[in-house]
Protein backbone atom coordinates (compact mmCIF):
# COMPACT_ATOMS: atom_id res chain seq x y z
CA UNK A 1 8.18 21.78 3.39
CA UNK A 2 6.29 20.95 0.05
CA UNK A 3 2.87 19.56 1.77
CA UNK A 4 1.26 17.68 -1.17
CA UNK A 5 -2.65 15.78 -0.86
CA UNK A 6 -4.25 12.56 -2.03
CA UNK A 7 -7.74 11.50 -2.37
CA UNK A 8 -8.98 7.77 -2.85
CA UNK A 9 -11.41 5.25 -2.30
CA UNK A 10 -12.50 1.60 -2.58
CA UNK A 11 -14.72 0.03 -5.63
CA UNK A 12 -18.05 1.13 -4.13
CA UNK A 13 -16.69 4.32 -3.28
CA UNK A 14 -18.48 3.33 0.55
CA UNK A 15 -14.95 4.19 2.12
CA UNK A 16 -12.96 6.81 0.81
CA UNK A 17 -9.52 8.80 2.47
CA UNK A 18 -7.19 11.91 1.97
CA UNK A 19 -3.31 11.07 2.21
CA UNK A 20 -1.69 14.33 3.32
CA UNK A 21 1.58 15.50 3.70
CA UNK A 22 5.20 16.66 3.23
CA UNK A 23 6.13 15.24 0.01
CA UNK A 24 9.03 13.85 1.66
CA UNK A 25 6.92 11.56 4.05
CA UNK A 26 4.58 10.01 0.86
CA UNK A 27 6.88 8.04 -0.49
CA UNK A 28 6.36 6.42 -3.72
CA UNK A 29 4.62 3.29 -4.97
CA UNK A 30 6.57 0.12 -3.87
CA UNK A 31 5.46 -3.43 -5.50
CA UNK A 32 5.14 -6.22 -3.69
CA UNK A 33 5.85 -9.63 -4.45
CA UNK A 34 5.38 -11.94 -1.81
CA UNK A 35 2.63 -15.18 -1.93
CA UNK A 36 -0.01 -13.34 0.52
CA UNK A 37 0.25 -9.85 -1.80
CA UNK A 38 -0.14 -11.80 -5.33
CA UNK A 39 -2.74 -13.26 -3.95
CA UNK A 40 -4.82 -10.65 -2.38
CA UNK A 41 -4.43 -8.58 -4.87
CA UNK A 42 -4.40 -10.53 -7.31
CA UNK A 43 -1.23 -10.00 -8.71
CA UNK A 44 1.87 -7.65 -7.58
CA UNK A 45 0.76 -5.37 -4.62
CA UNK A 46 1.34 -1.55 -5.49
CA UNK A 47 1.17 0.71 -2.27
CA UNK A 48 2.47 4.24 -1.19
CA UNK A 49 3.57 4.06 2.44
CA UNK A 50 3.23 7.11 4.68
CA UNK A 51 3.44 7.71 8.67
CA UNK A 52 -0.49 6.88 9.69
CA UNK A 53 -0.36 10.85 11.04
CA UNK A 54 -0.92 11.62 7.12
CA UNK A 55 -4.18 9.54 6.62
CA UNK A 56 -7.79 10.26 7.23
CA UNK A 57 -10.70 8.40 6.44
CA UNK A 58 -13.61 10.69 5.11
CA UNK A 59 -16.25 8.34 4.94
CA UNK A 60 -16.93 5.03 5.95
CA UNK A 61 -14.35 4.15 8.35
CA UNK A 62 -17.03 1.25 9.43
CA UNK A 63 -17.02 -0.03 6.92
CA UNK A 64 -13.02 -1.28 7.24
CA UNK A 65 -12.08 -4.61 8.27
CA UNK A 66 -8.84 -5.59 9.26
CA UNK A 67 -7.42 -8.95 8.67
CA UNK A 68 -4.38 -10.45 10.38
CA UNK A 69 -2.23 -12.26 7.74
CA UNK A 70 0.45 -13.45 9.79
CA UNK A 71 2.18 -12.33 12.71
CA UNK A 72 4.25 -9.72 10.94
CA UNK A 73 0.81 -8.04 9.00
CA UNK A 74 -2.42 -6.75 8.55
CA UNK A 75 -4.62 -5.95 5.74
CA UNK A 76 -7.34 -3.20 5.74
CA UNK A 77 -9.95 -4.07 2.96
CA UNK A 78 -13.81 -2.58 2.03
CA UNK A 79 -16.46 -5.33 3.43
CA UNK A 80 -19.01 -4.02 1.16
CA UNK A 81 -17.06 -4.29 -2.14
CA UNK A 82 -13.26 -6.40 -1.25
CA UNK A 83 -11.14 -3.08 -1.39
CA UNK A 84 -7.59 -4.17 -0.14
CA UNK A 85 -7.06 -1.01 0.77
CA UNK A 86 -4.30 -1.17 3.80
CA UNK A 87 -1.47 -3.20 4.84
CA UNK A 88 0.27 -2.30 8.54
CA UNK A 89 3.23 -3.96 9.45
CA UNK A 90 2.58 -5.16 12.80
CA UNK A 91 5.64 -6.91 13.43
CA UNK A 92 8.32 -4.75 12.45
CA UNK A 93 8.72 -1.76 15.13
CA UNK A 94 10.30 0.57 12.75
CA UNK A 95 7.36 0.21 10.53
CA UNK A 96 5.02 1.07 14.03
CA UNK A 97 3.66 4.72 12.89
CA UNK A 98 3.60 3.60 8.81
CA UNK A 99 0.47 2.72 6.28
CA UNK A 100 1.00 1.71 2.85
CA UNK A 101 -1.84 2.32 1.11
CA UNK A 102 -2.87 0.54 -2.52
CA UNK A 103 -1.74 2.82 -5.26
CA UNK A 104 -4.39 0.66 -6.84
CA UNK A 105 -7.02 3.51 -4.97
CA UNK A 106 -6.15 6.34 -5.05
CA UNK A 107 -7.59 8.69 -7.00
CA UNK A 108 -4.15 9.69 -9.35
CA UNK A 109 -1.13 9.42 -8.13
CA UNK A 110 0.68 12.38 -9.78
CA UNK A 111 4.22 11.42 -10.62
CA UNK A 112 4.64 8.69 -8.77
CA UNK A 113 6.06 5.69 -9.99
CA UNK A 114 7.41 2.62 -8.37
CA UNK A 115 10.73 2.96 -7.49
CA UNK A 116 11.41 -0.47 -6.09
CA UNK A 117 9.98 -4.10 -5.96
CA UNK A 118 10.41 -6.45 -2.94
CA UNK A 119 10.11 -10.81 -2.30
CA UNK A 120 10.81 -10.67 -6.07
CA UNK A 121 12.53 -13.84 -5.05
CA UNK A 122 7.95 -14.90 -4.68
CA UNK A 123 7.30 -13.12 -7.76
CA UNK A 124 5.01 -14.25 -10.39
CA UNK A 125 6.72 -16.30 -13.77
CA UNK A 126 4.37 -14.79 -15.72
CA UNK A 127 5.52 -11.58 -16.00
CA UNK A 128 8.72 -9.08 -16.02
CA UNK A 129 10.33 -7.35 -14.15
CA UNK A 130 11.78 -4.20 -16.45
CA UNK A 131 11.05 -0.81 -15.63
CA UNK A 132 14.33 0.01 -14.08
CA UNK A 133 13.71 0.30 -10.43
CA UNK A 134 15.72 -1.21 -7.18
CA UNK A 135 14.88 -5.09 -7.41
CA UNK A 136 14.90 -6.48 -3.68
CA UNK A 137 14.44 -11.01 -3.19
CA UNK A 138 13.17 -9.51 -0.05
CA UNK A 139 11.67 -7.08 2.82
CA UNK A 140 14.88 -4.32 2.24
CA UNK A 141 16.50 -2.09 4.60
CA UNK A 142 13.95 0.75 6.13
C-alpha cells in the first residue's frame, strides 16, 4: 500500500484536520455543479472523497456545524468563519462510510486533479468545462 496524508483547515484556522489513507482510498477531485453546491461554495464544490475513517479532526471539532441541506446530504462548516469543509451523502447507502472534504481547504493537494464533473446540467452559464475530465449530467455511478 502507498499511504498518503493531507492536512487542511478552515479560513480562520479554528478547525484543522488530517486526511490519511491509502492512495486508492482517497480519490481525486470531483467538481459538483448542482445548485446547492454552487450556492454553498460560490462556484462549484470541489471535493476529495475518502472513507470517514481516513479523516481525523485535529483541532476545533466542537466548532464544526452540520447543515442538513436535503434528505440526501448534510454539509459541515466552521461556525466561526463559515468555511465549507465537508459533505456527507446521507441518502446514498453506498456513501454512508464516506466523506467528501473540500479540496480548497487542503494545505496543498499534491498532484490531484479534477477527474470528474457531476450535475453538469445545472452548471452556471458563466464558465466552460474544458479540462478533459469526465462529465456527468447528474450523479454518476459509485
